[in-house]
Amino acid sequence: MNDETKNETNFGYKKVNPNEKPDLVKGVFDSVSNKYDLMNDLMSVGIHRLWKKATIQMSNLKKGDDVLDVAGGTGDLAILFSDLVGEEGSVYLSDINESMLEIGRDKTIDSGNTNISSLVADAETLPFPDDSFNCISIAFGIRNVTNKDKALKDFYRCLKPGGRLLVLEFSKPESALLSDLYDLYSFNVLPHLGQWIAGDAESYQYLAESIRMHPNQEEFKKLMDDAGFLNTQFQNMTGGIVALHSGDKA
């Protein structure tokens, strides 16, 4: 069902007014921003870095291209993209959350990459003209977007003809055994890890719930098809715990 037809939306397992969700999500990331990178390394045992490198390899970018990383948080992808497009190109790091973006901005400055700009922006209403980017990426952010249909259509609008969208997100494990083990870890270990490292179990409970409420691989591929993307496909990683979706603009 299209998000715009609903009077409520999911915030984890809770039902909330769609107008309330952005502030609720913002509260989650305000709470965990200062430990976000450390928690990513601990939660994935560092594998998130391989997932992100695989995303970069699917971008088809060349020197001089322009890239937008939506919900780019602490800047990992933006820095990798910056190396690909070089000084002739440009990378925009956007996030709706100012505390996350501040960390990302500091990291990009420390990296020495001078072609990265950062800005606060909502994924559903990007502040860019039509046909602006050769590639748009969003990693571990689309599940937090209230209206995914609207965001995907805006991504399509902002891509140049022939440009590519890359969506890296937690998804549905391919085997029942892996799914059971993943549930055990997500709901019994992850919140305790969040409490221990970040002093916040509730935000990591939300993380586990939000992953379960996100469309599965085929469902999300259909959302991209409906938004107008061509050549849509997905690649499962780590047994489907994560999926990388891609699609091109005509």
C-alpha atoms as a PDB file:
ATOM      1  CA  MET A   1       0.000   0.000   0.000  1.00  0.00           C
ATOM      2  CA  ASN A   2       1.295   3.458  -0.863  1.00  0.00           C
ATOM      3  CA  ASP A   3       2.504   5.335   2.213  1.00  0.00           C
ATOM      4  CA  GLU A   4       0.497   8.419   1.216  1.00  0.00           C
ATOM      5  CA  THR A   5      -2.785   6.522   1.602  1.00  0.00           C
ATOM      6  CA  LYS A   6      -2.144   5.697   5.241  1.00  0.00           C
ATOM      7  CA  ASN A   7      -3.236   7.675   8.277  1.00  0.00           C
ATOM      8  CA  GLU A   8      -0.430   6.032  10.235  1.00  0.00           C
ATOM      9  CA  THR A   9       3.012   4.630   9.596  1.00  0.00           C
ATOM     10  CA  ASN A  10       5.444   2.283  11.290  1.00  0.00           C
ATOM     11  CA  PHE A  11       8.000   3.380  13.833  1.00  0.00           C
ATOM     12  CA  GLY A  12       9.469  -0.004  14.572  1.00  0.00           C
ATOM     13  CA  TYR A  13       6.502  -2.099  15.658  1.00  0.00           C
ATOM     14  CA  LYS A  14       4.552   0.956  16.805  1.00  0.00           C
ATOM     15  CA  LYS A  15       1.965   2.761  14.692  1.00  0.00           C
ATOM     16  CA  VAL A  16       2.404   6.541  14.688  1.00  0.00           C
ATOM     17  CA  ASN A  17       1.136   9.572  12.807  1.00  0.00           C
ATOM     18  CA  PRO A  18       3.308  10.041   9.688  1.00  0.00           C
ATOM     19  CA  ASN A  19       3.985  13.642  10.727  1.00  0.00           C
ATOM     20  CA  GLU A  20       5.515  12.415  13.991  1.00  0.00           C
ATOM     21  CA  LYS A  21       7.920   9.846  12.532  1.00  0.00           C
ATOM     22  CA  PRO A  22      10.714  12.219  11.375  1.00  0.00           C
ATOM     23  CA  ASP A  23      11.107  13.636  14.881  1.00  0.00           C
ATOM     24  CA  LEU A  24      11.026  10.162  16.419  1.00  0.00           C
ATOM     25  CA  VAL A  25      13.731   8.945  14.036  1.00  0.00           C
ATOM     26  CA  LYS A  26      15.720  12.097  14.699  1.00  0.00           C
ATOM     27  CA  GLY A  27      15.567  11.342  18.415  1.00  0.00           C
ATOM     28  CA  VAL A  28      16.974   7.859  17.843  1.00  0.00           C
ATOM     29  CA  PHE A  29      19.981   9.139  15.920  1.00  0.00           C
ATOM     30  CA  ASP A  30      20.558  12.104  18.201  1.00  0.00           C
ATOM     31  CA  SER A  31      20.886   9.557  20.992  1.00  0.00           C
ATOM     32  CA  VAL A  32      23.343   7.226  19.244  1.00  0.00           C
ATOM     33  CA  SER A  33      25.310   9.582  16.961  1.00  0.00           C
ATOM     34  CA  ASN A  34      28.422   9.841  19.130  1.00  0.00           C
ATOM     35  CA  LYS A  35      28.792   6.027  19.241  1.00  0.00           C
ATOM     36  CA  TYR A  36      27.370   5.295  15.779  1.00  0.00           C
ATOM     37  CA  ASP A  37      30.596   4.255  14.048  1.00  0.00           C
ATOM     38  CA  LEU A  38      31.772   2.147  16.974  1.00  0.00           C
ATOM     39  CA  MET A  39      28.406   0.390  17.188  1.00  0.00           C
ATOM     40  CA  ASN A  40      28.441  -0.305  13.432  1.00  0.00           C
ATOM     41  CA  ASP A  41      31.813  -2.009  13.781  1.00  0.00           C
ATOM     42  CA  LEU A  42      30.693  -4.050  16.783  1.00  0.00           C
ATOM     43  CA  MET A  43      27.252  -4.997  15.415  1.00  0.00           C
ATOM     44  CA  SER A  44      28.586  -6.202  12.071  1.00  0.00           C
ATOM     45  CA  VAL A  45      32.062  -7.294  13.235  1.00  0.00           C
ATOM     46  CA  GLY A  46      33.380  -4.785  10.710  1.00  0.00           C
ATOM     47  CA  ILE A  47      31.575  -6.362   7.753  1.00  0.00           C
ATOM     48  CA  HIS A  48      29.649  -3.123   7.068  1.00  0.00           C
ATOM     49  CA  ARG A  49      32.838  -1.787   5.485  1.00  0.00           C
ATOM     50  CA  LEU A  50      32.759  -4.594   2.900  1.00  0.00           C
ATOM     51  CA  TRP A  51      29.076  -3.935   2.194  1.00  0.00           C
ATOM     52  CA  LYS A  52      29.880  -0.290   1.538  1.00  0.00           C
ATOM     53  CA  LYS A  53      32.835  -1.093  -0.712  1.00  0.00           C
ATOM     54  CA  ALA A  54      30.580  -3.393  -2.761  1.00  0.00           C
ATOM     55  CA  THR A  55      28.127  -0.512  -3.101  1.00  0.00           C
ATOM     56  CA  ILE A  56      30.850   1.780  -4.421  1.00  0.00           C
ATOM     57  CA  GLN A  57      31.885  -0.842  -6.967  1.00  0.00           C
ATOM     58  CA  MET A  58      28.332  -0.880  -8.382  1.00  0.00           C
ATOM     59  CA  SER A  59      28.232   2.878  -8.957  1.00  0.00           C
ATOM     60  CA  ASN A  60      29.849   2.995 -12.423  1.00  0.00           C
ATOM     61  CA  LEU A  61      31.296   6.380 -11.497  1.00  0.00           C
ATOM     62  CA  LYS A  62      34.218   8.041 -13.239  1.00  0.00           C
ATOM     63  CA  LYS A  63      36.364  11.098 -12.652  1.00  0.00           C
ATOM     64  CA  GLY A  64      34.345  14.309 -12.803  1.00  0.00           C
ATOM     65  CA  ASP A  65      30.981  12.757 -11.919  1.00  0.00           C
ATOM     66  CA  ASP A  66      28.550  14.160  -9.343  1.00  0.00           C
ATOM     67  CA  VAL A  67      27.214  12.069  -6.446  1.00  0.00           C
ATOM     68  CA  LEU A  68      24.631  12.495  -3.690  1.00  0.00           C
ATOM     69  CA  ASP A  69      24.758  10.274  -0.597  1.00  0.00           C
ATOM     70  CA  VAL A  70      21.356  10.570   1.120  1.00  0.00           C
ATOM     71  CA  ALA A  71      21.067   9.866   4.850  1.00  0.00           C
ATOM     72  CA  GLY A  72      24.843   9.683   4.661  1.00  0.00           C
ATOM     73  CA  GLY A  73      25.320   9.985   8.393  1.00  0.00           C
ATOM     74  CA  THR A  74      28.941   9.829   9.395  1.00  0.00           C
ATOM     75  CA  GLY A  75      30.291  10.044   5.850  1.00  0.00           C
ATOM     76  CA  ASP A  76      31.754   6.601   5.066  1.00  0.00           C
ATOM     77  CA  LEU A  77      30.269   6.365   1.568  1.00  0.00           C
ATOM     78  CA  ALA A  78      30.870  10.034   0.778  1.00  0.00           C
ATOM     79  CA  ILE A  79      34.598   9.602   1.404  1.00  0.00           C
ATOM     80  CA  LEU A  80      34.748   6.504  -0.809  1.00  0.00           C
ATOM     81  CA  PHE A  81      32.801   8.271  -3.561  1.00  0.00           C
ATOM     82  CA  SER A  82      35.101  11.272  -3.298  1.00  0.00           C
ATOM     83  CA  ASP A  83      38.118   9.143  -4.150  1.00  0.00           C
ATOM     84  CA  LEU A  84      36.308   7.778  -7.220  1.00  0.00           C
ATOM     85  CA  VAL A  85      35.174  11.066  -8.773  1.00  0.00           C
ATOM     86  CA  GLY A  86      38.320  13.013  -7.907  1.00  0.00           C
ATOM     87  CA  GLU A  87      38.728  16.746  -7.582  1.00  0.00           C
ATOM     88  CA  GLU A  88      36.965  17.239 -10.902  1.00  0.00           C
ATOM     89  CA  GLY A  89      33.789  15.742  -9.455  1.00  0.00           C
ATOM     90  CA  SER A  90      31.571  16.625  -6.509  1.00  0.00           C
ATOM     91  CA  VAL A  91      30.035  14.691  -3.647  1.00  0.00           C
ATOM     92  CA  TYR A  92      27.113  15.898  -1.531  1.00  0.00           C
ATOM     93  CA  LEU A  93      26.608  14.351   1.887  1.00  0.00           C
ATOM     94  CA  SER A  94      23.050  14.873   3.117  1.00  0.00           C
ATOM     95  CA  ASP A  95      21.208  13.824   6.242  1.00  0.00           C
ATOM     96  CA  ILE A  96      18.050  14.967   7.985  1.00  0.00           C
ATOM     97  CA  ASN A  97      19.812  14.620  11.333  1.00  0.00           C
ATOM     98  CA  GLU A  98      22.160  17.473  12.236  1.00  0.00           C
ATOM     99  CA  SER A  99      24.067  15.581  14.933  1.00  0.00           C
ATOM    100  CA  MET A 100      24.916  12.761  12.523  1.00  0.00           C
ATOM    101  CA  LEU A 101      25.823  15.224   9.791  1.00  0.00           C
ATOM    102  CA  GLU A 102      28.168  17.102  12.105  1.00  0.00           C
ATOM    103  CA  ILE A 103      30.142  13.899  12.696  1.00  0.00           C
ATOM    104  CA  GLY A 104      30.157  13.160   8.969  1.00  0.00           C
ATOM    105  CA  ARG A 105      31.350  16.673   8.183  1.00  0.00           C
ATOM    106  CA  ASP A 106      34.251  16.335  10.629  1.00  0.00           C
ATOM    107  CA  LYS A 107      35.242  12.965   9.163  1.00  0.00           C
ATOM    108  CA  THR A 108      35.228  14.247   5.590  1.00  0.00           C
ATOM    109  CA  ILE A 109      37.406  17.200   6.598  1.00  0.00           C
ATOM    110  CA  ASP A 110      39.816  14.888   8.415  1.00  0.00           C
ATOM    111  CA  SER A 111      39.980  12.670   5.320  1.00  0.00           C
ATOM    112  CA  GLY A 112      41.446  15.552   3.324  1.00  0.00           C
ATOM    113  CA  ASN A 113      38.843  15.202   0.582  1.00  0.00           C
ATOM    114  CA  THR A 114      37.959  18.738  -0.481  1.00  0.00           C
ATOM    115  CA  ASN A 115      35.216  17.900  -2.998  1.00  0.00           C
ATOM    116  CA  ILE A 116      32.612  16.909  -0.376  1.00  0.00           C
ATOM    117  CA  SER A 117      29.831  19.299   0.649  1.00  0.00           C
ATOM    118  CA  SER A 118      27.358  18.533   3.433  1.00  0.00           C
ATOM    119  CA  LEU A 119      23.811  19.726   3.984  1.00  0.00           C
ATOM    120  CA  VAL A 120      20.709  18.981   6.023  1.00  0.00           C
ATOM    121  CA  ALA A 121      18.085  17.563   3.658  1.00  0.00           C
ATOM    122  CA  ASP A 122      14.954  15.417   3.751  1.00  0.00           C
ATOM    123  CA  ALA A 123      15.113  12.334   1.494  1.00  0.00           C
ATOM    124  CA  GLU A 124      11.521  12.927   0.377  1.00  0.00           C
ATOM    125  CA  THR A 125      12.094  16.519  -0.808  1.00  0.00           C
ATOM    126  CA  LEU A 126      15.670  16.936  -1.980  1.00  0.00           C
ATOM    127  CA  PRO A 127      16.766  20.569  -2.534  1.00  0.00           C
ATOM    128  CA  PHE A 128      18.360  19.942  -5.933  1.00  0.00           C
ATOM    129  CA  PRO A 129      17.323  20.635  -9.530  1.00  0.00           C
ATOM    130  CA  ASP A 130      16.235  17.870 -11.880  1.00  0.00           C
ATOM    131  CA  ASP A 131      19.007  15.827 -13.527  1.00  0.00           C
ATOM    132  CA  SER A 132      21.737  16.799 -11.039  1.00  0.00           C
ATOM    133  CA  PHE A 133      23.632  13.591 -10.232  1.00  0.00           C
ATOM    134  CA  ASN A 134      25.292  10.646 -11.937  1.00  0.00           C
ATOM    135  CA  CYS A 135      24.664   8.530  -8.841  1.00  0.00           C
ATOM    136  CA  ILE A 136      22.511   8.739  -5.709  1.00  0.00           C
ATOM    137  CA  SER A 137      23.091   6.369  -2.803  1.00  0.00           C
ATOM    138  CA  ILE A 138      21.340   5.723   0.479  1.00  0.00           C
ATOM    139  CA  ALA A 139      22.854   3.235   2.936  1.00  0.00           C
ATOM    140  CA  PHE A 140      20.921   1.980   5.955  1.00  0.00           C
ATOM    141  CA  GLY A 141      18.581   4.958   5.724  1.00  0.00           C
ATOM    142  CA  ILE A 142      15.639   4.090   3.478  1.00  0.00           C
ATOM    143  CA  ARG A 143      13.886   2.028   6.155  1.00  0.00           C
ATOM    144  CA  ASN A 144      13.644   5.181   8.309  1.00  0.00           C
ATOM    145  CA  VAL A 145      11.985   7.219   5.545  1.00  0.00           C
ATOM    146  CA  THR A 146       8.272   7.749   6.162  1.00  0.00           C
ATOM    147  CA  ASN A 147       7.156   7.777   2.515  1.00  0.00           C
ATOM    148  CA  LYS A 148       9.494   5.541   0.548  1.00  0.00           C
ATOM    149  CA  ASP A 149       7.525   5.956  -2.683  1.00  0.00           C
ATOM    150  CA  LYS A 150       7.927   9.718  -2.548  1.00  0.00           C
ATOM    151  CA  ALA A 151      11.633   9.485  -1.755  1.00  0.00           C
ATOM    152  CA  LEU A 152      12.302   7.074  -4.629  1.00  0.00           C
ATOM    153  CA  LYS A 153      10.509   9.368  -7.073  1.00  0.00           C
ATOM    154  CA  ASP A 154      12.560  12.318  -5.868  1.00  0.00           C
ATOM    155  CA  PHE A 155      15.763  10.306  -6.257  1.00  0.00           C
ATOM    156  CA  TYR A 156      14.691   9.553  -9.830  1.00  0.00           C
ATOM    157  CA  ARG A 157      14.003  13.244 -10.483  1.00  0.00           C
ATOM    158  CA  CYS A 158      17.439  14.303  -9.248  1.00  0.00           C
ATOM    159  CA  LEU A 159      19.385  11.712 -11.251  1.00  0.00           C
ATOM    160  CA  LYS A 160      20.792  12.572 -14.642  1.00  0.00           C
ATOM    161  CA  PRO A 161      19.566  10.433 -17.564  1.00  0.00           C
ATOM    162  CA  GLY A 162      21.522   7.190 -17.312  1.00  0.00           C
ATOM    163  CA  GLY A 163      22.271   7.832 -13.639  1.00  0.00           C
ATOM    164  CA  ARG A 164      22.129   5.097 -11.039  1.00  0.00           C
ATOM    165  CA  LEU A 165      20.438   4.698  -7.652  1.00  0.00           C
ATOM    166  CA  LEU A 166      22.082   2.432  -5.061  1.00  0.00           C
ATOM    167  CA  VAL A 167      20.165   1.390  -1.942  1.00  0.00           C
ATOM    168  CA  LEU A 168      22.051  -0.576   0.712  1.00  0.00           C
ATOM    169  CA  GLU A 169      19.780  -1.768   3.489  1.00  0.00           C
ATOM    170  CA  PHE A 170      19.151  -4.520   6.002  1.00  0.00           C
ATOM    171  CA  SER A 171      16.800  -7.077   4.471  1.00  0.00           C
ATOM    172  CA  LYS A 172      15.400 -10.574   4.882  1.00  0.00           C
ATOM    173  CA  PRO A 173      17.776 -13.534   5.448  1.00  0.00           C
ATOM    174  CA  GLU A 174      17.608 -16.218   2.779  1.00  0.00           C
ATOM    175  CA  SER A 175      17.381 -19.242   5.109  1.00  0.00           C
ATOM    176  CA  ALA A 176      15.054 -19.983   8.014  1.00  0.00           C
ATOM    177  CA  LEU A 177      17.968 -20.987  10.231  1.00  0.00           C
ATOM    178  CA  LEU A 178      19.833 -17.743   9.572  1.00  0.00           C
ATOM    179  CA  SER A 179      16.622 -15.799  10.139  1.00  0.00           C
ATOM    180  CA  ASP A 180      16.118 -17.451  13.529  1.00  0.00           C
ATOM    181  CA  LEU A 181      19.717 -16.797  14.571  1.00  0.00           C
ATOM    182  CA  TYR A 182      19.462 -13.201  13.353  1.00  0.00           C
ATOM    183  CA  ASP A 183      16.280 -12.663  15.381  1.00  0.00           C
ATOM    184  CA  LEU A 184      17.964 -14.110  18.461  1.00  0.00           C
ATOM    185  CA  TYR A 185      20.898 -11.740  18.030  1.00  0.00           C
ATOM    186  CA  SER A 186      18.779  -8.689  17.142  1.00  0.00           C
ATOM    187  CA  PHE A 187      16.337  -8.878  20.008  1.00  0.00           C
ATOM    188  CA  ASN A 188      18.447 -10.458  22.754  1.00  0.00           C
ATOM    189  CA  VAL A 189      21.986  -9.232  22.153  1.00  0.00           C
ATOM    190  CA  LEU A 190      21.755  -5.982  20.210  1.00  0.00           C
ATOM    191  CA  PRO A 191      19.750  -3.934  22.763  1.00  0.00           C
ATOM    192  CA  HIS A 192      22.145  -4.991  25.531  1.00  0.00           C
ATOM    193  CA  LEU A 193      25.105  -4.038  23.351  1.00  0.00           C
ATOM    194  CA  GLY A 194      23.449  -0.670  22.689  1.00  0.00           C
ATOM    195  CA  GLN A 195      22.958  -0.119  26.399  1.00  0.00           C
ATOM    196  CA  TRP A 196      26.538  -1.064  27.182  1.00  0.00           C
ATOM    197  CA  ILE A 197      28.245   0.977  24.463  1.00  0.00           C
ATOM    198  CA  ALA A 198      25.842   3.840  23.735  1.00  0.00           C
ATOM    199  CA  GLY A 199      23.827   3.891  26.960  1.00  0.00           C
ATOM    200  CA  ASP A 200      20.664   3.375  24.912  1.00  0.00           C
ATOM    201  CA  ALA A 201      18.950   0.008  24.579  1.00  0.00           C
ATOM    202  CA  GLU A 202      15.674   1.467  23.264  1.00  0.00           C
ATOM    203  CA  SER A 203      17.180   2.918  20.086  1.00  0.00           C
ATOM    204  CA  TYR A 204      18.706  -0.440  19.186  1.00  0.00           C
ATOM    205  CA  GLN A 205      15.416  -2.170  19.907  1.00  0.00           C
ATOM    206  CA  TYR A 206      13.928   0.245  17.352  1.00  0.00           C
ATOM    207  CA  LEU A 207      16.720  -0.679  14.931  1.00  0.00           C
ATOM    208  CA  ALA A 208      15.817  -4.371  15.160  1.00  0.00           C
ATOM    209  CA  GLU A 209      12.108  -3.653  14.765  1.00  0.00           C
ATOM    210  CA  SER A 210      12.562  -1.244  11.844  1.00  0.00           C
ATOM    211  CA  ILE A 211      14.514  -3.888   9.930  1.00  0.00           C
ATOM    212  CA  ARG A 212      11.641  -6.376  10.331  1.00  0.00           C
ATOM    213  CA  MET A 213       9.101  -3.798   9.068  1.00  0.00           C
ATOM    214  CA  HIS A 214      11.128  -2.904   5.953  1.00  0.00           C
ATOM    215  CA  PRO A 215       9.953  -4.420   2.637  1.00  0.00           C
ATOM    216  CA  ASN A 216      11.758  -7.592   1.622  1.00  0.00           C
ATOM    217  CA  GLN A 217      14.060  -7.760  -1.389  1.00  0.00           C
ATOM    218  CA  GLU A 218      11.400  -8.365  -4.045  1.00  0.00           C
ATOM    219  CA  GLU A 219       8.955  -5.895  -2.489  1.00  0.00           C
ATOM    220  CA  PHE A 220      11.538  -3.124  -2.464  1.00  0.00           C
ATOM    221  CA  LYS A 221      12.560  -3.918  -6.031  1.00  0.00           C
ATOM    222  CA  LYS A 222       8.922  -3.400  -7.035  1.00  0.00           C
ATOM    223  CA  LEU A 223       8.883  -0.011  -5.292  1.00  0.00           C
ATOM    224  CA  MET A 224      11.864   0.982  -7.428  1.00  0.00           C
ATOM    225  CA  ASP A 225      10.135  -0.324 -10.570  1.00  0.00           C
ATOM    226  CA  ASP A 226       7.016   1.679  -9.713  1.00  0.00           C
ATOM    227  CA  ALA A 227       9.132   4.829  -9.262  1.00  0.00           C
ATOM    228  CA  GLY A 228      10.332   4.472 -12.859  1.00  0.00           C
ATOM    229  CA  PHE A 229      13.742   2.881 -12.451  1.00  0.00           C
ATOM    230  CA  LEU A 230      15.035   0.528 -15.148  1.00  0.00           C
ATOM    231  CA  ASN A 231      17.306  -2.516 -14.861  1.00  0.00           C
ATOM    232  CA  THR A 232      16.381  -2.899 -11.210  1.00  0.00           C
ATOM    233  CA  GLN A 233      18.126  -5.729  -9.396  1.00  0.00           C
ATOM    234  CA  PHE A 234      19.377  -6.674  -5.971  1.00  0.00           C
ATOM    235  CA  GLN A 235      22.379  -8.494  -4.591  1.00  0.00           C
ATOM    236  CA  ASN A 236      22.106 -10.295  -1.272  1.00  0.00           C
ATOM    237  CA  MET A 237      25.042 -10.006   1.094  1.00  0.00           C
ATOM    238  CA  THR A 238      25.795 -12.084   4.189  1.00  0.00           C
ATOM    239  CA  GLY A 239      22.941 -14.448   3.428  1.00  0.00           C
ATOM    240  CA  GLY A 240      20.382 -11.704   2.810  1.00  0.00           C
ATOM    241  CA  ILE A 241      20.910  -9.898   6.105  1.00  0.00           C
ATOM    242  CA  VAL A 242      21.773  -6.989   3.842  1.00  0.00           C
ATOM    243  CA  ALA A 243      20.712  -6.338   0.242  1.00  0.00           C
ATOM    244  CA  LEU A 244      22.062  -3.895  -2.310  1.00  0.00           C
ATOM    245  CA  HIS A 245      19.407  -2.685  -4.760  1.00  0.00           C
ATOM    246  CA  SER A 246      20.281  -0.786  -7.914  1.00  0.00           C
ATOM    247  CA  GLY A 247      18.312   0.867 -10.684  1.00  0.00           C
ATOM    248  CA  ASP A 248      18.933   3.270 -13.548  1.00  0.00           C
ATOM    249  CA  LYS A 249      17.175   6.357 -14.850  1.00  0.00           C
ATOM    250  CA  ALA A 250      16.133   6.247 -18.496  1.00  0.00           C
END
